[in-house]
PDB file of all heavy atoms in Angstrom:
ATOM      1  N   LEU A   1     101.689-125.459 -82.897  1.00  0.00           N
ATOM      2  CA  LEU A   1     100.267-125.145 -82.729  1.00  0.00           C
ATOM      3  C   LEU A   1     100.094-123.701 -82.289  1.00  0.00           C
ATOM      4  O   LEU A   1     100.904-123.168 -81.535  1.00  0.00           O
ATOM      5  CB  LEU A   1      99.651-126.071 -81.691  1.00  0.00           C
ATOM      6  CG  LEU A   1      99.765-127.561 -81.970  1.00  0.00           C
ATOM      7  CD1 LEU A   1      99.181-128.366 -80.813  1.00  0.00           C
ATOM      8  CD2 LEU A   1      99.079-127.922 -83.271  1.00  0.00           C
ATOM      9  N   GLY A   2      99.016-123.061 -82.776  1.00  0.00           N
ATOM     10  CA  GLY A   2      98.661-121.725 -82.333  1.00  0.00           C
ATOM     11  C   GLY A   2      99.531-120.610 -82.879  1.00  0.00           C
ATOM     12  O   GLY A   2      99.679-119.572 -82.242  1.00  0.00           O
ATOM     13  N   THR A   3     100.086-120.781 -84.076  1.00  0.00           N
ATOM     14  CA  THR A   3     100.950-119.739 -84.622  1.00  0.00           C
ATOM     15  C   THR A   3     100.131-118.599 -85.222  1.00  0.00           C
ATOM     16  O   THR A   3      98.980-118.778 -85.641  1.00  0.00           O
ATOM     17  CB  THR A   3     101.893-120.293 -85.697  1.00  0.00           C
ATOM     18  OG1 THR A   3     101.130-120.760 -86.804  1.00  0.00           O
ATOM     19  CG2 THR A   3     102.756-121.416 -85.132  1.00  0.00           C
ATOM     20  N   LEU A   4     100.739-117.434 -85.280  1.00  0.00           N
ATOM     21  CA  LEU A   4     100.084-116.266 -85.855  1.00  0.00           C
ATOM     22  C   LEU A   4      99.712-116.506 -87.313  1.00  0.00           C
ATOM     23  O   LEU A   4      98.611-116.172 -87.744  1.00  0.00           O
ATOM     24  CB  LEU A   4     100.990-115.038 -85.739  1.00  0.00           C
ATOM     25  CG  LEU A   4     100.498-113.776 -86.457  1.00  0.00           C
ATOM     26  CD1 LEU A   4      99.176-113.316 -85.857  1.00  0.00           C
ATOM     27  CD2 LEU A   4     101.532-112.686 -86.382  1.00  0.00           C
ATOM     28  N   GLN A   5     100.623-117.109 -88.093  1.00  0.00           N
ATOM     29  CA  GLN A   5     100.320-117.260 -89.516  1.00  0.00           C
ATOM     30  C   GLN A   5      99.154-118.215 -89.743  1.00  0.00           C
ATOM     31  O   GLN A   5      98.331-117.987 -90.623  1.00  0.00           O
ATOM     32  CB  GLN A   5     101.542-117.637 -90.324  1.00  0.00           C
ATOM     33  CG  GLN A   5     102.160-118.963 -90.041  1.00  0.00           C
ATOM     34  CD  GLN A   5     103.504-119.100 -90.759  1.00  0.00           C
ATOM     35  OE1 GLN A   5     104.233-118.136 -90.963  1.00  0.00           O
ATOM     36  NE2 GLN A   5     103.818-120.311 -91.148  1.00  0.00           N
ATOM     37  N   ASP A   6      99.045-119.259 -88.961  1.00  0.00           N
ATOM     38  CA  ASP A   6      97.909-120.173 -89.120  1.00  0.00           C
ATOM     39  C   ASP A   6      96.604-119.501 -88.688  1.00  0.00           C
ATOM     40  O   ASP A   6      95.581-119.616 -89.356  1.00  0.00           O
ATOM     41  CB  ASP A   6      98.122-121.455 -88.323  1.00  0.00           C
ATOM     42  CG  ASP A   6      99.143-122.380 -88.954  1.00  0.00           C
ATOM     43  OD1 ASP A   6      99.675-122.065 -90.040  1.00  0.00           O
ATOM     44  OD2 ASP A   6      99.410-123.437 -88.350  1.00  0.00           O
ATOM     45  N   TRP A   7      96.635-118.791 -87.560  1.00  0.00           N
ATOM     46  CA  TRP A   7      95.441-118.103 -87.094  1.00  0.00           C
ATOM     47  C   TRP A   7      95.001-117.053 -88.102  1.00  0.00           C
ATOM     48  O   TRP A   7      93.821-116.956 -88.439  1.00  0.00           O
ATOM     49  CB  TRP A   7      95.696-117.425 -85.735  1.00  0.00           C
ATOM     50  CG  TRP A   7      94.496-116.677 -85.266  1.00  0.00           C
ATOM     51  CD1 TRP A   7      93.444-117.165 -84.541  1.00  0.00           C
ATOM     52  CD2 TRP A   7      94.179-115.301 -85.542  1.00  0.00           C
ATOM     53  NE1 TRP A   7      92.508-116.185 -84.350  1.00  0.00           N
ATOM     54  CE2 TRP A   7      92.938-115.027 -84.950  1.00  0.00           C
ATOM     55  CE3 TRP A   7      94.837-114.292 -86.223  1.00  0.00           C
ATOM     56  CZ2 TRP A   7      92.338-113.773 -85.015  1.00  0.00           C
ATOM     57  CZ3 TRP A   7      94.238-113.044 -86.300  1.00  0.00           C
ATOM     58  CH2 TRP A   7      93.006-112.783 -85.692  1.00  0.00           C
ATOM     59  N   SER A   8      95.939-116.264 -88.586  1.00  0.00           N
ATOM     60  CA  SER A   8      95.631-115.190 -89.523  1.00  0.00           C
ATOM     61  C   SER A   8      94.953-115.730 -90.786  1.00  0.00           C
ATOM     62  O   SER A   8      93.950-115.184 -91.248  1.00  0.00           O
ATOM     63  CB  SER A   8      96.918-114.444 -89.878  1.00  0.00           C
ATOM     64  OG  SER A   8      96.674-113.407 -90.769  1.00  0.00           O
ATOM     65  N   TYR A   9      95.492-116.801 -91.320  1.00  0.00           N
ATOM     66  CA  TYR A   9      94.923-117.392 -92.539  1.00  0.00           C
ATOM     67  C   TYR A   9      93.555-118.005 -92.260  1.00  0.00           C
ATOM     68  O   TYR A   9      92.599-117.769 -92.998  1.00  0.00           O
ATOM     69  CB  TYR A   9      95.882-118.435 -93.088  1.00  0.00           C
ATOM     70  CG  TYR A   9      95.450-119.064 -94.388  1.00  0.00           C
ATOM     71  CD1 TYR A   9      95.509-118.347 -95.574  1.00  0.00           C
ATOM     72  CD2 TYR A   9      95.001-120.380 -94.435  1.00  0.00           C
ATOM     73  CE1 TYR A   9      95.125-118.914 -96.779  1.00  0.00           C
ATOM     74  CE2 TYR A   9      94.612-120.958 -95.632  1.00  0.00           C
ATOM     75  CZ  TYR A   9      94.677-120.228 -96.798  1.00  0.00           C
ATOM     76  OH  TYR A   9      94.289-120.798 -97.986  1.00  0.00           O
ATOM     77  N   ASP A  10      93.450-118.762 -91.181  1.00  0.00           N
ATOM     78  CA  ASP A  10      92.196-119.455 -90.859  1.00  0.00           C
ATOM     79  C   ASP A  10      91.077-118.484 -90.503  1.00  0.00           C
ATOM     80  O   ASP A  10      89.947-118.644 -90.944  1.00  0.00           O
ATOM     81  CB  ASP A  10      92.426-120.430 -89.699  1.00  0.00           C
ATOM     82  CG  ASP A  10      91.166-121.185 -89.328  1.00  0.00           C
ATOM     83  OD1 ASP A  10      90.648-121.937 -90.192  1.00  0.00           O
ATOM     84  OD2 ASP A  10      90.685-121.031 -88.182  1.00  0.00           O
ATOM     85  N   GLN A  11      91.381-117.471 -89.711  1.00  0.00           N
ATOM     86  CA  GLN A  11      90.349-116.579 -89.199  1.00  0.00           C
ATOM     87  C   GLN A  11      90.064-115.370 -90.080  1.00  0.00           C
ATOM     88  O   GLN A  11      88.958-114.836 -90.034  1.00  0.00           O
ATOM     89  CB  GLN A  11      90.723-116.097 -87.791  1.00  0.00           C
ATOM     90  CG  GLN A  11      90.799-117.209 -86.775  1.00  0.00           C
ATOM     91  CD  GLN A  11      89.458-117.878 -86.555  1.00  0.00           C
ATOM     92  OE1 GLN A  11      88.448-117.216 -86.316  1.00  0.00           O
ATOM     93  NE2 GLN A  11      89.438-119.198 -86.660  1.00  0.00           N
ATOM     94  N   THR A  12      91.041-114.927 -90.874  1.00  0.00           N
ATOM     95  CA  THR A  12      90.828-113.699 -91.646  1.00  0.00           C
ATOM     96  C   THR A  12      91.086-113.861 -93.141  1.00  0.00           C
ATOM     97  O   THR A  12      90.812-112.944 -93.906  1.00  0.00           O
ATOM     98  CB  THR A  12      91.734-112.561 -91.132  1.00  0.00           C
ATOM     99  OG1 THR A  12      93.086-112.849 -91.470  1.00  0.00           O
ATOM    100  CG2 THR A  12      91.601-112.370 -89.623  1.00  0.00           C
ATOM    101  N   GLY A  13      91.672-115.005 -93.548  1.00  0.00           N
ATOM    102  CA  GLY A  13      92.002-115.203 -94.960  1.00  0.00           C
ATOM    103  C   GLY A  13      93.279-114.499 -95.383  1.00  0.00           C
ATOM    104  O   GLY A  13      93.612-114.459 -96.562  1.00  0.00           O
ATOM    105  N   CYS A  14      93.997-113.934 -94.433  1.00  0.00           N
ATOM    106  CA  CYS A  14      95.242-113.215 -94.716  1.00  0.00           C
ATOM    107  C   CYS A  14      96.400-114.207 -94.757  1.00  0.00           C
ATOM    108  O   CYS A  14      96.602-114.974 -93.824  1.00  0.00           O
ATOM    109  CB  CYS A  14      95.478-112.183 -93.624  1.00  0.00           C
ATOM    110  SG  CYS A  14      97.003-111.249 -93.800  1.00  0.00           S
ATOM    111  N   ILE A  15      97.146-114.210 -95.851  1.00  0.00           N
ATOM    112  CA  ILE A  15      98.320-115.078 -95.963  1.00  0.00           C
ATOM    113  C   ILE A  15      99.470-114.411 -95.214  1.00  0.00           C
ATOM    114  O   ILE A  15      99.865-113.297 -95.536  1.00  0.00           O
ATOM    115  CB  ILE A  15      98.694-115.320 -97.440  1.00  0.00           C
ATOM    116  CG1 ILE A  15      97.577-116.118 -98.132  1.00  0.00           C
ATOM    117  CG2 ILE A  15     100.027-116.047 -97.542  1.00  0.00           C
ATOM    118  CD1 ILE A  15      97.775-116.292 -99.621  1.00  0.00           C
ATOM    119  N   ASP A  16      99.976-115.098 -94.218  1.00  0.00           N
ATOM    120  CA  ASP A  16     101.053-114.583 -93.384  1.00  0.00           C
ATOM    121  C   ASP A  16     102.260-115.501 -93.497  1.00  0.00           C
ATOM    122  O   ASP A  16     102.103-116.715 -93.595  1.00  0.00           O
ATOM    123  CB  ASP A  16     100.595-114.516 -91.925  1.00  0.00           C
ATOM    124  CG  ASP A  16     101.621-113.873 -91.017  1.00  0.00           C
ATOM    125  OD1 ASP A  16     101.714-112.638 -91.031  1.00  0.00           O
ATOM    126  OD2 ASP A  16     102.327-114.608 -90.299  1.00  0.00           O
ATOM    127  N   ALA A  17     103.429-114.934 -93.503  1.00  0.00           N
ATOM    128  CA  ALA A  17     104.671-115.713 -93.513  1.00  0.00           C
ATOM    129  C   ALA A  17     105.531-115.269 -92.338  1.00  0.00           C
ATOM    130  O   ALA A  17     105.513-114.107 -91.943  1.00  0.00           O
ATOM    131  CB  ALA A  17     105.436-115.491 -94.813  1.00  0.00           C
ATOM    132  N   THR A  18     106.261-116.215 -91.794  1.00  0.00           N
ATOM    133  CA  THR A  18     107.238-115.901 -90.763  1.00  0.00           C
ATOM    134  C   THR A  18     108.600-115.832 -91.437  1.00  0.00           C
ATOM    135  O   THR A  18     109.043-116.804 -92.041  1.00  0.00           O
ATOM    136  CB  THR A  18     107.238-116.968 -89.653  1.00  0.00           C
ATOM    137  OG1 THR A  18     105.931-117.014 -89.074  1.00  0.00           O
ATOM    138  CG2 THR A  18     108.268-116.638 -88.584  1.00  0.00           C
ATOM    139  N   ILE A  19     109.218-114.678 -91.360  1.00  0.00           N
ATOM    140  CA  ILE A  19     110.500-114.472 -92.016  1.00  0.00           C
ATOM    141  C   ILE A  19     111.586-114.479 -90.938  1.00  0.00           C
ATOM    142  O   ILE A  19     111.605-113.624 -90.051  1.00  0.00           O
ATOM    143  CB  ILE A  19     110.496-113.158 -92.813  1.00  0.00           C
ATOM    144  CG1 ILE A  19     109.398-113.244 -93.884  1.00  0.00           C
ATOM    145  CG2 ILE A  19     111.866-112.891 -93.420  1.00  0.00           C
ATOM    146  CD1 ILE A  19     109.089-111.965 -94.590  1.00  0.00           C
ATOM    147  N   GLU A  20     112.424-115.487 -91.023  1.00  0.00           N
ATOM    148  CA  GLU A  20     113.528-115.648 -90.083  1.00  0.00           C
ATOM    149  C   GLU A  20     114.754-115.015 -90.735  1.00  0.00           C
ATOM    150  O   GLU A  20     115.165-115.427 -91.812  1.00  0.00           O
ATOM    151  CB  GLU A  20     113.776-117.131 -89.817  1.00  0.00           C
ATOM    152  CG  GLU A  20     112.560-117.881 -89.297  1.00  0.00           C
ATOM    153  CD  GLU A  20     112.487-117.906 -87.780  1.00  0.00           C
ATOM    154  OE1 GLU A  20     113.432-117.426 -87.123  1.00  0.00           O
ATOM    155  OE2 GLU A  20     111.489-118.408 -87.254  1.00  0.00           O
ATOM    156  N   VAL A  21     115.328-113.990 -90.100  1.00  0.00           N
ATOM    157  CA  VAL A  21     116.375-113.189 -90.750  1.00  0.00           C
ATOM    158  C   VAL A  21     117.799-113.489 -90.299  1.00  0.00           C
ATOM    159  O   VAL A  21     118.740-112.900 -90.827  1.00  0.00           O
ATOM    160  CB  VAL A  21     116.107-111.677 -90.592  1.00  0.00           C
ATOM    161  CG1 VAL A  21     114.810-111.281 -91.289  1.00  0.00           C
ATOM    162  CG2 VAL A  21     116.097-111.273 -89.134  1.00  0.00           C
ATOM    163  N   SER A  22     117.957-114.390 -89.334  1.00  0.00           N
ATOM    164  CA  SER A  22     119.302-114.668 -88.837  1.00  0.00           C
ATOM    165  C   SER A  22     119.353-116.041 -88.192  1.00  0.00           C
ATOM    166  O   SER A  22     118.403-116.439 -87.506  1.00  0.00           O
ATOM    167  CB  SER A  22     119.704-113.616 -87.798  1.00  0.00           C
ATOM    168  OG  SER A  22     120.913-113.969 -87.159  1.00  0.00           O
ATOM    169  N   ASN A  23     120.437-116.741 -88.386  1.00  0.00           N
ATOM    170  CA  ASN A  23     120.623-118.022 -87.706  1.00  0.00           C
ATOM    171  C   ASN A  23     120.855-117.839 -86.207  1.00  0.00           C
ATOM    172  O   ASN A  23     120.775-118.795 -85.449  1.00  0.00           O
ATOM    173  CB  ASN A  23     121.786-118.796 -88.328  1.00  0.00           C
ATOM    174  CG  ASN A  23     121.405-119.349 -89.685  1.00  0.00           C
ATOM    175  OD1 ASN A  23     120.317-119.879 -89.884  1.00  0.00           O
ATOM    176  ND2 ASN A  23     122.304-119.226 -90.635  1.00  0.00           N
ATOM    177  N   THR A  24     121.107-116.607 -85.797  1.00  0.00           N
ATOM    178  CA  THR A  24     121.282-116.285 -84.384  1.00  0.00           C
ATOM    179  C   THR A  24     119.947-115.826 -83.813  1.00  0.00           C
ATOM    180  O   THR A  24     119.317-114.922 -84.360  1.00  0.00           O
ATOM    181  CB  THR A  24     122.336-115.159 -84.214  1.00  0.00           C
ATOM    182  OG1 THR A  24     123.541-115.583 -84.830  1.00  0.00           O
ATOM    183  CG2 THR A  24     122.563-114.830 -82.766  1.00  0.00           C
ATOM    184  N   LYS A  25     119.499-116.459 -82.726  1.00  0.00           N
ATOM    185  CA  LYS A  25     118.204-116.113 -82.137  1.00  0.00           C
ATOM    186  C   LYS A  25     118.182-114.692 -81.593  1.00  0.00           C
ATOM    187  O   LYS A  25     117.211-113.972 -81.745  1.00  0.00           O
ATOM    188  CB  LYS A  25     117.862-117.123 -81.029  1.00  0.00           C
ATOM    189  CG  LYS A  25     116.495-116.920 -80.422  1.00  0.00           C
ATOM    190  CD  LYS A  25     115.413-117.149 -81.439  1.00  0.00           C
ATOM    191  CE  LYS A  25     114.041-117.068 -80.806  1.00  0.00           C
ATOM    192  NZ  LYS A  25     112.981-117.040 -81.801  1.00  0.00           N
ATOM    193  N   TRP A  26     119.228-114.270 -80.926  1.00  0.00           N
ATOM    194  CA  TRP A  26     119.280-112.937 -80.331  1.00  0.00           C
ATOM    195  C   TRP A  26     120.510-112.191 -80.855  1.00  0.00           C
ATOM    196  O   TRP A  26     121.481-112.015 -80.135  1.00  0.00           O
ATOM    197  CB  TRP A  26     119.320-113.023 -78.804  1.00  0.00           C
ATOM    198  CG  TRP A  26     118.162-113.757 -78.238  1.00  0.00           C
ATOM    199  CD1 TRP A  26     118.165-115.021 -77.722  1.00  0.00           C
ATOM    200  CD2 TRP A  26     116.817-113.305 -78.148  1.00  0.00           C
ATOM    201  NE1 TRP A  26     116.916-115.377 -77.317  1.00  0.00           N
ATOM    202  CE2 TRP A  26     116.053-114.342 -77.569  1.00  0.00           C
ATOM    203  CE3 TRP A  26     116.168-112.127 -78.505  1.00  0.00           C
ATOM    204  CZ2 TRP A  26     114.692-114.234 -77.338  1.00  0.00           C
ATOM    205  CZ3 TRP A  26     114.803-112.030 -78.281  1.00  0.00           C
ATOM    206  CH2 TRP A  26     114.088-113.064 -77.693  1.00  0.00           C
ATOM    207  N   PRO A  27     120.492-111.735 -82.099  1.00  0.00           N
ATOM    208  CA  PRO A  27     121.663-111.045 -82.648  1.00  0.00           C
ATOM    209  C   PRO A  27     121.865-109.674 -82.005  1.00  0.00           C
ATOM    210  O   PRO A  27     120.932-109.071 -81.475  1.00  0.00           O
ATOM    211  CB  PRO A  27     121.328-110.907 -84.132  1.00  0.00           C
ATOM    212  CG  PRO A  27     119.841-110.948 -84.183  1.00  0.00           C
ATOM    213  CD  PRO A  27     119.395-111.829 -83.048  1.00  0.00           C
ATOM    214  N   SER A  28     123.053-109.190 -82.090  1.00  0.00           N
ATOM    215  CA  SER A  28     123.405-107.874 -81.570  1.00  0.00           C
ATOM    216  C   SER A  28     122.668-106.786 -82.348  1.00  0.00           C
ATOM    217  O   SER A  28     122.484-106.881 -83.564  1.00  0.00           O
ATOM    218  CB  SER A  28     124.915-107.681 -81.714  1.00  0.00           C
ATOM    219  OG  SER A  28     125.261-106.343 -81.510  1.00  0.00           O
ATOM    220  N   ALA A  29     122.282-105.748 -81.643  1.00  0.00           N
ATOM    221  CA  ALA A  29     121.617-104.615 -82.292  1.00  0.00           C
ATOM    222  C   ALA A  29     122.505-103.977 -83.354  1.00  0.00           C
ATOM    223  O   ALA A  29     122.003-103.365 -84.304  1.00  0.00           O
ATOM    224  CB  ALA A  29     121.209-103.577 -81.253  1.00  0.00           C
ATOM    225  N   SER A  30     123.800-104.129 -83.229  1.00  0.00           N
ATOM    226  CA  SER A  30     124.710-103.553 -84.222  1.00  0.00           C
ATOM    227  C   SER A  30     124.535-104.191 -85.601  1.00  0.00           C
ATOM    228  O   SER A  30     124.989-103.630 -86.605  1.00  0.00           O
ATOM    229  CB  SER A  30     126.166-103.703 -83.764  1.00  0.00           C
ATOM    230  OG  SER A  30     126.537-105.068 -83.720  1.00  0.00           O
TER     231      SER A  30
END
């Protein structure tokens, strides 16, 4: 509940996607 992509679409009509780039939550900056 209360995600940015849902709010963005509902309130502004902007299609937003959440792109998860790593199976590691906190990967090394390297």
